[in-house]
Every structure is written in C-alpha cells, then in structure tokens.
Amino acid sequence: MSAYEAVLTEDARLVILKALQAQTDGRLNEVILERELDRFGHRRSRAWIRTQILALEGVGAVTRVEVGSVMVASITRLGLAHCERREVIDGVARPSPEV
C-alpha cells in the first residue's frame, strides 16, 4: 500500500468510528457506512468497507455481527476513546481537536 493509500485508509477508518460514535446505540450497518464514507469522499466498494470493519475489529475499536448478508459494526470503549482523543489507535487517523 502506498503512503497516500495508507492516509486515505486511516481517514476512512476515522470516518467509520465517528459515524458510529454519533449514533445513540453506537451501531451502523455497512450500507449506511457506505453512504457516510461517500459523503466524505471515500467512494469504496462494500467489500472494502467490510475489510475496514474487520481491521477495526482486529484492533479492538469495533465489534461486528452479521445479520443475514449485512455486517453491523458497533463502536467499543477503545473506539470511543480514540474519537475523544484519549487513546491512539494505530492505523486510524487522529481526530482534529475541537475548536
């Protein structure tokens, strides 16, 4: 993966975590995450999004379940801590400080 592709991937993972953080129950399915990523300029396939959910699960930032053919991600305490700038997760862009 090129350095540029790594930056895009890290940013997309942050977008996923922030989208989950914004939900009352901390969960979203891959279809909604695809729309959210597209809104932030990350036009990617559903397979790519699933790969990112799995990567985030691998570092403990989310948990996931499969409901039929759809993957649902839930943010963990670590994922929330990263969004709130209390923890740093390698492979995920750092959130900007709130102004």
PDB file of N, CA and C in Angstrom:
ATOM      1  N   MET A   1       0.851  -1.172   0.000  1.00  0.00           N
ATOM      2  CA  MET A   1       0.000   0.000   0.000  1.00  0.00           C
ATOM      3  C   MET A   1       0.896   1.235   0.000  1.00  0.00           C
ATOM      4  N   SER A   2       0.586   2.173  -0.867  1.00  0.00           N
ATOM      5  CA  SER A   2       1.369   3.407  -0.934  1.00  0.00           C
ATOM      6  C   SER A   2       1.067   4.274   0.290  1.00  0.00           C
ATOM      7  N   ALA A   3       1.931   5.245   0.518  1.00  0.00           N
ATOM      8  CA  ALA A   3       1.735   6.155   1.648  1.00  0.00           C
ATOM      9  C   ALA A   3       0.416   6.914   1.493  1.00  0.00           C
ATOM     10  N   TYR A   4       0.095   7.295   0.273  1.00  0.00           N
ATOM     11  CA  TYR A   4      -1.153   8.019   0.010  1.00  0.00           C
ATOM     12  C   TYR A   4      -2.364   7.137   0.313  1.00  0.00           C
ATOM     13  N   GLU A   5      -2.309   5.896  -0.140  1.00  0.00           N
ATOM     14  CA  GLU A   5      -3.405   4.957   0.113  1.00  0.00           C
ATOM     15  C   GLU A   5      -3.553   4.703   1.612  1.00  0.00           C
ATOM     16  N   ALA A   6      -2.446   4.640   2.337  1.00  0.00           N
ATOM     17  CA  ALA A   6      -2.496   4.446   3.790  1.00  0.00           C
ATOM     18  C   ALA A   6      -3.198   5.620   4.468  1.00  0.00           C
ATOM     19  N   VAL A   7      -2.907   6.837   4.028  1.00  0.00           N
ATOM     20  CA  VAL A   7      -3.557   8.024   4.600  1.00  0.00           C
ATOM     21  C   VAL A   7      -5.058   7.979   4.333  1.00  0.00           C
ATOM     22  N   LEU A   8      -5.447   7.615   3.115  1.00  0.00           N
ATOM     23  CA  LEU A   8      -6.873   7.521   2.788  1.00  0.00           C
ATOM     24  C   LEU A   8      -7.566   6.460   3.638  1.00  0.00           C
ATOM     25  N   THR A   9      -6.916   5.327   3.825  1.00  0.00           N
ATOM     26  CA  THR A   9      -7.489   4.241   4.616  1.00  0.00           C
ATOM     27  C   THR A   9      -7.629   4.661   6.076  1.00  0.00           C
ATOM     28  N   GLU A  10      -6.615   5.301   6.625  1.00  0.00           N
ATOM     29  CA  GLU A  10      -6.684   5.759   8.010  1.00  0.00           C
ATOM     30  C   GLU A  10      -7.801   6.774   8.200  1.00  0.00           C
ATOM     31  N   ASP A  11      -7.975   7.667   7.234  1.00  0.00           N
ATOM     32  CA  ASP A  11      -9.040   8.659   7.308  1.00  0.00           C
ATOM     33  C   ASP A  11     -10.409   7.985   7.224  1.00  0.00           C
ATOM     34  N   ALA A  12     -10.554   7.029   6.326  1.00  0.00           N
ATOM     35  CA  ALA A  12     -11.827   6.319   6.189  1.00  0.00           C
ATOM     36  C   ALA A  12     -12.183   5.584   7.482  1.00  0.00           C
ATOM     37  N   ARG A  13     -11.209   5.012   8.130  1.00  0.00           N
ATOM     38  CA  ARG A  13     -11.469   4.321   9.409  1.00  0.00           C
ATOM     39  C   ARG A  13     -11.931   5.307  10.470  1.00  0.00           C
ATOM     40  N   LEU A  14     -11.360   6.504  10.470  1.00  0.00           N
ATOM     41  CA  LEU A  14     -11.816   7.529  11.405  1.00  0.00           C
ATOM     42  C   LEU A  14     -13.253   7.930  11.088  1.00  0.00           C
ATOM     43  N   VAL A  15     -13.578   8.072   9.826  1.00  0.00           N
ATOM     44  CA  VAL A  15     -14.956   8.409   9.431  1.00  0.00           C
ATOM     45  C   VAL A  15     -15.914   7.333   9.957  1.00  0.00           C
ATOM     46  N   ILE A  16     -15.536   6.079   9.828  1.00  0.00           N
ATOM     47  CA  ILE A  16     -16.377   4.985  10.324  1.00  0.00           C
ATOM     48  C   ILE A  16     -16.577   5.121  11.833  1.00  0.00           C
ATOM     49  N   LEU A  17     -15.505   5.318  12.575  1.00  0.00           N
ATOM     50  CA  LEU A  17     -15.621   5.443  14.032  1.00  0.00           C
ATOM     51  C   LEU A  17     -16.471   6.639  14.434  1.00  0.00           C
ATOM     52  N   LYS A  18     -16.284   7.771  13.774  1.00  0.00           N
ATOM     53  CA  LYS A  18     -17.067   8.957  14.114  1.00  0.00           C
ATOM     54  C   LYS A  18     -18.547   8.768  13.778  1.00  0.00           C
ATOM     55  N   ALA A  19     -18.833   8.067  12.687  1.00  0.00           N
ATOM     56  CA  ALA A  19     -20.231   7.790  12.331  1.00  0.00           C
ATOM     57  C   ALA A  19     -20.876   6.899  13.390  1.00  0.00           C
ATOM     58  N   LEU A  20     -20.129   5.911  13.862  1.00  0.00           N
ATOM     59  CA  LEU A  20     -20.651   5.032  14.915  1.00  0.00           C
ATOM     60  C   LEU A  20     -20.832   5.814  16.221  1.00  0.00           C
ATOM     61  N   GLN A  21     -19.878   6.657  16.540  1.00  0.00           N
ATOM     62  CA  GLN A  21     -19.934   7.451  17.768  1.00  0.00           C
ATOM     63  C   GLN A  21     -21.180   8.349  17.783  1.00  0.00           C
ATOM     64  N   ALA A  22     -21.583   8.826  16.630  1.00  0.00           N
ATOM     65  CA  ALA A  22     -22.721   9.748  16.530  1.00  0.00           C
ATOM     66  C   ALA A  22     -24.071   9.072  16.754  1.00  0.00           C
ATOM     67  N   GLN A  23     -24.095   7.757  16.734  1.00  0.00           N
ATOM     68  CA  GLN A  23     -25.350   7.027  16.905  1.00  0.00           C
ATOM     69  C   GLN A  23     -25.665   6.824  18.382  1.00  0.00           C
ATOM     70  N   THR A  24     -26.926   6.901  18.729  1.00  0.00           N
ATOM     71  CA  THR A  24     -27.347   6.704  20.112  1.00  0.00           C
ATOM     72  C   THR A  24     -26.891   5.360  20.649  1.00  0.00           C
ATOM     73  N   ASP A  25     -27.001   4.319  19.831  1.00  0.00           N
ATOM     74  CA  ASP A  25     -26.604   2.975  20.278  1.00  0.00           C
ATOM     75  C   ASP A  25     -25.233   2.556  19.779  1.00  0.00           C
ATOM     76  N   GLY A  26     -24.531   3.442  19.059  1.00  0.00           N
ATOM     77  CA  GLY A  26     -23.173   3.160  18.609  1.00  0.00           C
ATOM     78  C   GLY A  26     -23.061   2.135  17.505  1.00  0.00           C
ATOM     79  N   ARG A  27     -24.157   1.871  16.778  1.00  0.00           N
ATOM     80  CA  ARG A  27     -24.144   0.833  15.736  1.00  0.00           C
ATOM     81  C   ARG A  27     -24.619   1.390  14.403  1.00  0.00           C
ATOM     82  N   LEU A  28     -24.040   0.856  13.322  1.00  0.00           N
ATOM     83  CA  LEU A  28     -24.491   1.126  11.954  1.00  0.00           C
ATOM     84  C   LEU A  28     -24.191  -0.090  11.101  1.00  0.00           C
ATOM     85  N   ASN A  29     -24.979  -0.264  10.047  1.00  0.00           N
ATOM     86  CA  ASN A  29     -24.686  -1.358   9.129  1.00  0.00           C
ATOM     87  C   ASN A  29     -23.825  -0.852   7.975  1.00  0.00           C
ATOM     88  N   GLU A  30     -23.272  -1.780   7.232  1.00  0.00           N
ATOM     89  CA  GLU A  30     -22.336  -1.437   6.157  1.00  0.00           C
ATOM     90  C   GLU A  30     -22.968  -0.594   5.054  1.00  0.00           C
ATOM     91  N   VAL A  31     -24.262  -0.717   4.850  1.00  0.00           N
ATOM     92  CA  VAL A  31     -24.943   0.072   3.816  1.00  0.00           C
ATOM     93  C   VAL A  31     -24.922   1.546   4.203  1.00  0.00           C
ATOM     94  N   ILE A  32     -25.256   1.831   5.452  1.00  0.00           N
ATOM     95  CA  ILE A  32     -25.236   3.220   5.926  1.00  0.00           C
ATOM     96  C   ILE A  32     -23.805   3.739   5.991  1.00  0.00           C
ATOM     97  N   LEU A  33     -22.868   2.901   6.415  1.00  0.00           N
ATOM     98  CA  LEU A  33     -21.460   3.322   6.446  1.00  0.00           C
ATOM     99  C   LEU A  33     -20.952   3.640   5.043  1.00  0.00           C
ATOM    100  N   GLU A  34     -21.410   2.899   4.056  1.00  0.00           N
ATOM    101  CA  GLU A  34     -21.015   3.184   2.673  1.00  0.00           C
ATOM    102  C   GLU A  34     -21.465   4.592   2.277  1.00  0.00           C
ATOM    103  N   ARG A  35     -22.670   4.965   2.628  1.00  0.00           N
ATOM    104  CA  ARG A  35     -23.186   6.306   2.325  1.00  0.00           C
ATOM    105  C   ARG A  35     -22.407   7.379   3.075  1.00  0.00           C
ATOM    106  N   GLU A  36     -22.087   7.103   4.342  1.00  0.00           N
ATOM    107  CA  GLU A  36     -21.344   8.070   5.146  1.00  0.00           C
ATOM    108  C   GLU A  36     -19.931   8.273   4.589  1.00  0.00           C
ATOM    109  N   LEU A  37     -19.267   7.192   4.228  1.00  0.00           N
ATOM    110  CA  LEU A  37     -17.940   7.306   3.630  1.00  0.00           C
ATOM    111  C   LEU A  37     -17.985   8.076   2.318  1.00  0.00           C
ATOM    112  N   ASP A  38     -18.994   7.807   1.507  1.00  0.00           N
ATOM    113  CA  ASP A  38     -19.151   8.506   0.231  1.00  0.00           C
ATOM    114  C   ASP A  38     -19.329  10.007   0.461  1.00  0.00           C
ATOM    115  N   ARG A  39     -20.049  10.365   1.494  1.00  0.00           N
ATOM    116  CA  ARG A  39     -20.269  11.770   1.845  1.00  0.00           C
ATOM    117  C   ARG A  39     -18.957  12.481   2.139  1.00  0.00           C
ATOM    118  N   PHE A  40     -17.979  11.741   2.656  1.00  0.00           N
ATOM    119  CA  PHE A  40     -16.671  12.312   2.983  1.00  0.00           C
ATOM    120  C   PHE A  40     -15.622  12.043   1.901  1.00  0.00           C
ATOM    121  N   GLY A  41     -16.065  11.646   0.718  1.00  0.00           N
ATOM    122  CA  GLY A  41     -15.157  11.497  -0.415  1.00  0.00           C
ATOM    123  C   GLY A  41     -14.473  10.153  -0.530  1.00  0.00           C
ATOM    124  N   HIS A  42     -14.933   9.163   0.224  1.00  0.00           N
ATOM    125  CA  HIS A  42     -14.362   7.819   0.149  1.00  0.00           C
ATOM    126  C   HIS A  42     -15.338   6.914  -0.576  1.00  0.00           C
ATOM    127  N   ARG A  43     -15.276   6.909  -1.895  1.00  0.00           N
ATOM    128  CA  ARG A  43     -16.166   6.074  -2.697  1.00  0.00           C
ATOM    129  C   ARG A  43     -15.513   4.716  -2.845  1.00  0.00           C
ATOM    130  N   ARG A  44     -15.965   3.771  -2.044  1.00  0.00           N
ATOM    131  CA  ARG A  44     -15.348   2.443  -1.998  1.00  0.00           C
ATOM    132  C   ARG A  44     -16.408   1.354  -2.088  1.00  0.00           C
ATOM    133  N   SER A  45     -15.960   0.169  -2.441  1.00  0.00           N
ATOM    134  CA  SER A  45     -16.862  -0.975  -2.567  1.00  0.00           C
ATOM    135  C   SER A  45     -17.287  -1.470  -1.186  1.00  0.00           C
ATOM    136  N   ARG A  46     -18.374  -2.205  -1.165  1.00  0.00           N
ATOM    137  CA  ARG A  46     -18.846  -2.795   0.089  1.00  0.00           C
ATOM    138  C   ARG A  46     -17.816  -3.768   0.640  1.00  0.00           C
ATOM    139  N   ALA A  47     -17.137  -4.491  -0.238  1.00  0.00           N
ATOM    140  CA  ALA A  47     -16.089  -5.427   0.211  1.00  0.00           C
ATOM    141  C   ALA A  47     -14.958  -4.670   0.908  1.00  0.00           C
ATOM    142  N   TRP A  48     -14.574  -3.521   0.384  1.00  0.00           N
ATOM    143  CA  TRP A  48     -13.518  -2.722   1.004  1.00  0.00           C
ATOM    144  C   TRP A  48     -13.960  -2.232   2.381  1.00  0.00           C
ATOM    145  N   ILE A  49     -15.216  -1.817   2.491  1.00  0.00           N
ATOM    146  CA  ILE A  49     -15.753  -1.345   3.768  1.00  0.00           C
ATOM    147  C   ILE A  49     -15.761  -2.486   4.785  1.00  0.00           C
ATOM    148  N   ARG A  50     -16.147  -3.671   4.350  1.00  0.00           N
ATOM    149  CA  ARG A  50     -16.117  -4.831   5.243  1.00  0.00           C
ATOM    150  C   ARG A  50     -14.687  -5.093   5.736  1.00  0.00           C
ATOM    151  N   THR A  51     -13.720  -4.947   4.846  1.00  0.00           N
ATOM    152  CA  THR A  51     -12.319  -5.138   5.229  1.00  0.00           C
ATOM    153  C   THR A  51     -11.921  -4.139   6.308  1.00  0.00           C
ATOM    154  N   GLN A  52     -12.394  -2.902   6.198  1.00  0.00           N
ATOM    155  CA  GLN A  52     -12.058  -1.885   7.195  1.00  0.00           C
ATOM    156  C   GLN A  52     -12.738  -2.174   8.531  1.00  0.00           C
ATOM    157  N   ILE A  53     -13.967  -2.669   8.484  1.00  0.00           N
ATOM    158  CA  ILE A  53     -14.656  -3.054   9.721  1.00  0.00           C
ATOM    159  C   ILE A  53     -13.883  -4.183  10.403  1.00  0.00           C
ATOM    160  N   LEU A  54     -13.434  -5.145   9.618  1.00  0.00           N
ATOM    161  CA  LEU A  54     -12.650  -6.256  10.178  1.00  0.00           C
ATOM    162  C   LEU A  54     -11.332  -5.758  10.766  1.00  0.00           C
ATOM    163  N   ALA A  55     -10.691  -4.801  10.089  1.00  0.00           N
ATOM    164  CA  ALA A  55      -9.433  -4.238  10.602  1.00  0.00           C
ATOM    165  C   ALA A  55      -9.675  -3.501  11.914  1.00  0.00           C
ATOM    166  N   LEU A  56     -10.767  -2.737  11.976  1.00  0.00           N
ATOM    167  CA  LEU A  56     -11.099  -2.023  13.207  1.00  0.00           C
ATOM    168  C   LEU A  56     -11.451  -2.998  14.328  1.00  0.00           C
ATOM    169  N   GLU A  57     -12.089  -4.093  13.988  1.00  0.00           N
ATOM    170  CA  GLU A  57     -12.379  -5.125  14.977  1.00  0.00           C
ATOM    171  C   GLU A  57     -11.065  -5.742  15.467  1.00  0.00           C
ATOM    172  N   GLY A  58     -10.134  -5.937  14.568  1.00  0.00           N
ATOM    173  CA  GLY A  58      -8.847  -6.530  14.918  1.00  0.00           C
ATOM    174  C   GLY A  58      -8.045  -5.727  15.922  1.00  0.00           C
ATOM    175  N   VAL A  59      -8.234  -4.396  15.923  1.00  0.00           N
ATOM    176  CA  VAL A  59      -7.516  -3.558  16.894  1.00  0.00           C
ATOM    177  C   VAL A  59      -8.389  -3.210  18.098  1.00  0.00           C
ATOM    178  N   GLY A  60      -9.606  -3.750  18.136  1.00  0.00           N
ATOM    179  CA  GLY A  60     -10.475  -3.555  19.293  1.00  0.00           C
ATOM    180  C   GLY A  60     -11.317  -2.297  19.278  1.00  0.00           C
ATOM    181  N   ALA A  61     -11.412  -1.616  18.129  1.00  0.00           N
ATOM    182  CA  ALA A  61     -12.169  -0.372  18.040  1.00  0.00           C
ATOM    183  C   ALA A  61     -13.661  -0.600  17.807  1.00  0.00           C
ATOM    184  N   VAL A  62     -14.013  -1.735  17.216  1.00  0.00           N
ATOM    185  CA  VAL A  62     -15.418  -2.078  16.977  1.00  0.00           C
ATOM    186  C   VAL A  62     -15.624  -3.566  17.223  1.00  0.00           C
ATOM    187  N   THR A  63     -16.874  -3.924  17.380  1.00  0.00           N
ATOM    188  CA  THR A  63     -17.283  -5.322  17.316  1.00  0.00           C
ATOM    189  C   THR A  63     -18.217  -5.410  16.120  1.00  0.00           C
ATOM    190  N   ARG A  64     -18.450  -6.604  15.647  1.00  0.00           N
ATOM    191  CA  ARG A  64     -19.338  -6.741  14.494  1.00  0.00           C
ATOM    192  C   ARG A  64     -20.176  -7.993  14.616  1.00  0.00           C
ATOM    193  N   VAL A  65     -21.334  -7.937  13.972  1.00  0.00           N
ATOM    194  CA  VAL A  65     -22.204  -9.101  13.828  1.00  0.00           C
ATOM    195  C   VAL A  65     -22.680  -9.100  12.385  1.00  0.00           C
ATOM    196  N   GLU A  66     -23.036 -10.260  11.913  1.00  0.00           N
ATOM    197  CA  GLU A  66     -23.621 -10.361  10.574  1.00  0.00           C
ATOM    198  C   GLU A  66     -25.090 -10.679  10.742  1.00  0.00           C
ATOM    199  N   VAL A  67     -25.912  -9.869  10.133  1.00  0.00           N
ATOM    200  CA  VAL A  67     -27.353 -10.062  10.161  1.00  0.00           C
ATOM    201  C   VAL A  67     -27.769 -10.377   8.734  1.00  0.00           C
ATOM    202  N   GLY A  68     -28.023 -11.653   8.467  1.00  0.00           N
ATOM    203  CA  GLY A  68     -28.258 -12.056   7.086  1.00  0.00           C
ATOM    204  C   GLY A  68     -26.992 -11.820   6.297  1.00  0.00           C
ATOM    205  N   SER A  69     -27.095 -11.023   5.250  1.00  0.00           N
ATOM    206  CA  SER A  69     -25.929 -10.743   4.409  1.00  0.00           C
ATOM    207  C   SER A  69     -25.298  -9.386   4.719  1.00  0.00           C
ATOM    208  N   VAL A  70     -25.737  -8.749   5.792  1.00  0.00           N
ATOM    209  CA  VAL A  70     -25.268  -7.400   6.114  1.00  0.00           C
ATOM    210  C   VAL A  70     -24.431  -7.421   7.394  1.00  0.00           C
ATOM    211  N   MET A  71     -23.311  -6.707   7.359  1.00  0.00           N
ATOM    212  CA  MET A  71     -22.445  -6.585   8.521  1.00  0.00           C
ATOM    213  C   MET A  71     -22.854  -5.343   9.314  1.00  0.00           C
ATOM    214  N   VAL A  72     -22.954  -5.496  10.630  1.00  0.00           N
ATOM    215  CA  VAL A  72     -23.285  -4.386  11.524  1.00  0.00           C
ATOM    216  C   VAL A  72     -22.101  -4.182  12.468  1.00  0.00           C
ATOM    217  N   ALA A  73     -21.612  -2.953  12.525  1.00  0.00           N
ATOM    218  CA  ALA A  73     -20.480  -2.616  13.401  1.00  0.00           C
ATOM    219  C   ALA A  73     -20.976  -1.832  14.601  1.00  0.00           C
ATOM    220  N   SER A  74     -20.366  -2.099  15.755  1.00  0.00           N
ATOM    221  CA  SER A  74     -20.656  -1.370  16.996  1.00  0.00           C
ATOM    222  C   SER A  74     -19.343  -0.837  17.555  1.00  0.00           C
ATOM    223  N   ILE A  75     -19.338   0.414  17.953  1.00  0.00           N
ATOM    224  CA  ILE A  75     -18.120   1.017  18.494  1.00  0.00           C
ATOM    225  C   ILE A  75     -17.869   0.502  19.914  1.00  0.00           C
ATOM    226  N   THR A  76     -16.610   0.321  20.257  1.00  0.00           N
ATOM    227  CA  THR A  76     -16.217  -0.131  21.599  1.00  0.00           C
ATOM    228  C   THR A  76     -15.739   1.073  22.422  1.00  0.00           C
ATOM    229  N   ARG A  77     -15.427   0.812  23.679  1.00  0.00           N
ATOM    230  CA  ARG A  77     -14.875   1.877  24.531  1.00  0.00           C
ATOM    231  C   ARG A  77     -13.573   2.427  23.952  1.00  0.00           C
ATOM    232  N   LEU A  78     -12.743   1.531  23.401  1.00  0.00           N
ATOM    233  CA  LEU A  78     -11.488   1.978  22.793  1.00  0.00           C
ATOM    234  C   LEU A  78     -11.764   2.867  21.584  1.00  0.00           C
ATOM    235  N   GLY A  79     -12.717   2.479  20.755  1.00  0.00           N
ATOM    236  CA  GLY A  79     -13.083   3.297  19.601  1.00  0.00           C
ATOM    237  C   GLY A  79     -13.575   4.674  20.023  1.00  0.00           C
ATOM    238  N   LEU A  80     -14.399   4.704  21.067  1.00  0.00           N
ATOM    239  CA  LEU A  80     -14.880   5.989  21.592  1.00  0.00           C
ATOM    240  C   LEU A  80     -13.725   6.817  22.137  1.00  0.00           C
ATOM    241  N   ALA A  81     -12.826   6.168  22.860  1.00  0.00           N
ATOM    242  CA  ALA A  81     -11.678   6.877  23.436  1.00  0.00           C
ATOM    243  C   ALA A  81     -10.808   7.485  22.335  1.00  0.00           C
ATOM    244  N   HIS A  82     -10.670   6.793  21.216  1.00  0.00           N
ATOM    245  CA  HIS A  82      -9.896   7.341  20.100  1.00  0.00           C
ATOM    246  C   HIS A  82     -10.589   8.588  19.546  1.00  0.00           C
ATOM    247  N   CYS A  83     -11.901   8.508  19.342  1.00  0.00           N
ATOM    248  CA  CYS A  83     -12.658   9.653  18.817  1.00  0.00           C
ATOM    249  C   CYS A  83     -12.585  10.850  19.757  1.00  0.00           C
ATOM    250  N   GLU A  84     -12.481  10.574  21.050  1.00  0.00           N
ATOM    251  CA  GLU A  84     -12.420  11.637  22.053  1.00  0.00           C
ATOM    252  C   GLU A  84     -10.980  12.070  22.354  1.00  0.00           C
ATOM    253  N   ARG A  85     -10.019  11.551  21.600  1.00  0.00           N
ATOM    254  CA  ARG A  85      -8.601  11.905  21.710  1.00  0.00           C
ATOM    255  C   ARG A  85      -7.991  11.515  23.061  1.00  0.00           C
ATOM    256  N   ARG A  86      -8.507  10.430  23.670  1.00  0.00           N
ATOM    257  CA  ARG A  86      -7.955   9.927  24.929  1.00  0.00           C
ATOM    258  C   ARG A  86      -7.044   8.728  24.704  1.00  0.00           C
ATOM    259  N   GLU A  87      -7.171   8.091  23.554  1.00  0.00           N
ATOM    260  CA  GLU A  87      -6.356   6.933  23.169  1.00  0.00           C
ATOM    261  C   GLU A  87      -5.944   7.122  21.712  1.00  0.00           C
ATOM    262  N   VAL A  88      -4.901   6.410  21.311  1.00  0.00           N
ATOM    263  CA  VAL A  88      -4.467   6.434  19.917  1.00  0.00           C
ATOM    264  C   VAL A  88      -4.499   5.007  19.395  1.00  0.00           C
ATOM    265  N   ILE A  89      -5.158   4.820  18.271  1.00  0.00           N
ATOM    266  CA  ILE A  89      -5.220   3.508  17.627  1.00  0.00           C
ATOM    267  C   ILE A  89      -4.384   3.580  16.350  1.00  0.00           C
ATOM    268  N   ASP A  90      -3.360   2.760  16.274  1.00  0.00           N
ATOM    269  CA  ASP A  90      -2.544   2.696  15.059  1.00  0.00           C
ATOM    270  C   ASP A  90      -3.417   2.298  13.877  1.00  0.00           C
ATOM    271  N   GLY A  91      -3.190   2.951  12.739  1.00  0.00           N
ATOM    272  CA  GLY A  91      -3.942   2.630  11.531  1.00  0.00           C
ATOM    273  C   GLY A  91      -5.237   3.409  11.391  1.00  0.00           C
ATOM    274  N   VAL A  92      -5.501   4.315  12.336  1.00  0.00           N
ATOM    275  CA  VAL A  92      -6.690   5.170  12.284  1.00  0.00           C
ATOM    276  C   VAL A  92      -6.225   6.610  12.439  1.00  0.00           C
ATOM    277  N   ALA A  93      -6.683   7.493  11.557  1.00  0.00           N
ATOM    278  CA  ALA A  93      -6.281   8.895  11.631  1.00  0.00           C
ATOM    279  C   ALA A  93      -6.680   9.486  12.984  1.00  0.00           C
ATOM    280  N   ARG A  94      -5.879  10.415  13.457  1.00  0.00           N
ATOM    281  CA  ARG A  94      -6.204  11.102  14.706  1.00  0.00           C
ATOM    282  C   ARG A  94      -7.288  12.131  14.428  1.00  0.00           C
ATOM    283  N   PRO A  95      -8.276  12.229  15.303  1.00  0.00           N
ATOM    284  CA  PRO A  95      -9.300  13.273  15.114  1.00  0.00           C
ATOM    285  C   PRO A  95      -8.720  14.650  15.343  1.00  0.00           C
ATOM    286  N   SER A  96      -9.263  15.614  14.646  1.00  0.00           N
ATOM    287  CA  SER A  96      -8.839  17.012  14.852  1.00  0.00           C
ATOM    288  C   SER A  96      -9.348  17.498  16.191  1.00  0.00           C
ATOM    289  N   PRO A  97      -8.591  18.392  16.825  1.00  0.00           N
ATOM    290  CA  PRO A  97      -9.089  18.952  18.089  1.00  0.00           C
ATOM    291  C   PRO A  97     -10.352  19.776  17.823  1.00  0.00           C
ATOM    292  N   GLU A  98     -11.273  19.727  18.764  1.00  0.00           N
ATOM    293  CA  GLU A  98     -12.478  20.550  18.622  1.00  0.00           C
ATOM    294  C   GLU A  98     -12.121  21.993  18.883  1.00  0.00           C
ATOM    295  N   VAL A  99     -12.724  22.865  18.112  1.00  0.00           N
ATOM    296  CA  VAL A  99     -12.418  24.296  18.237  1.00  0.00           C
ATOM    297  C   VAL A  99     -13.474  24.978  19.053  1.00  0.00           C
TER     298      VAL A  99
END
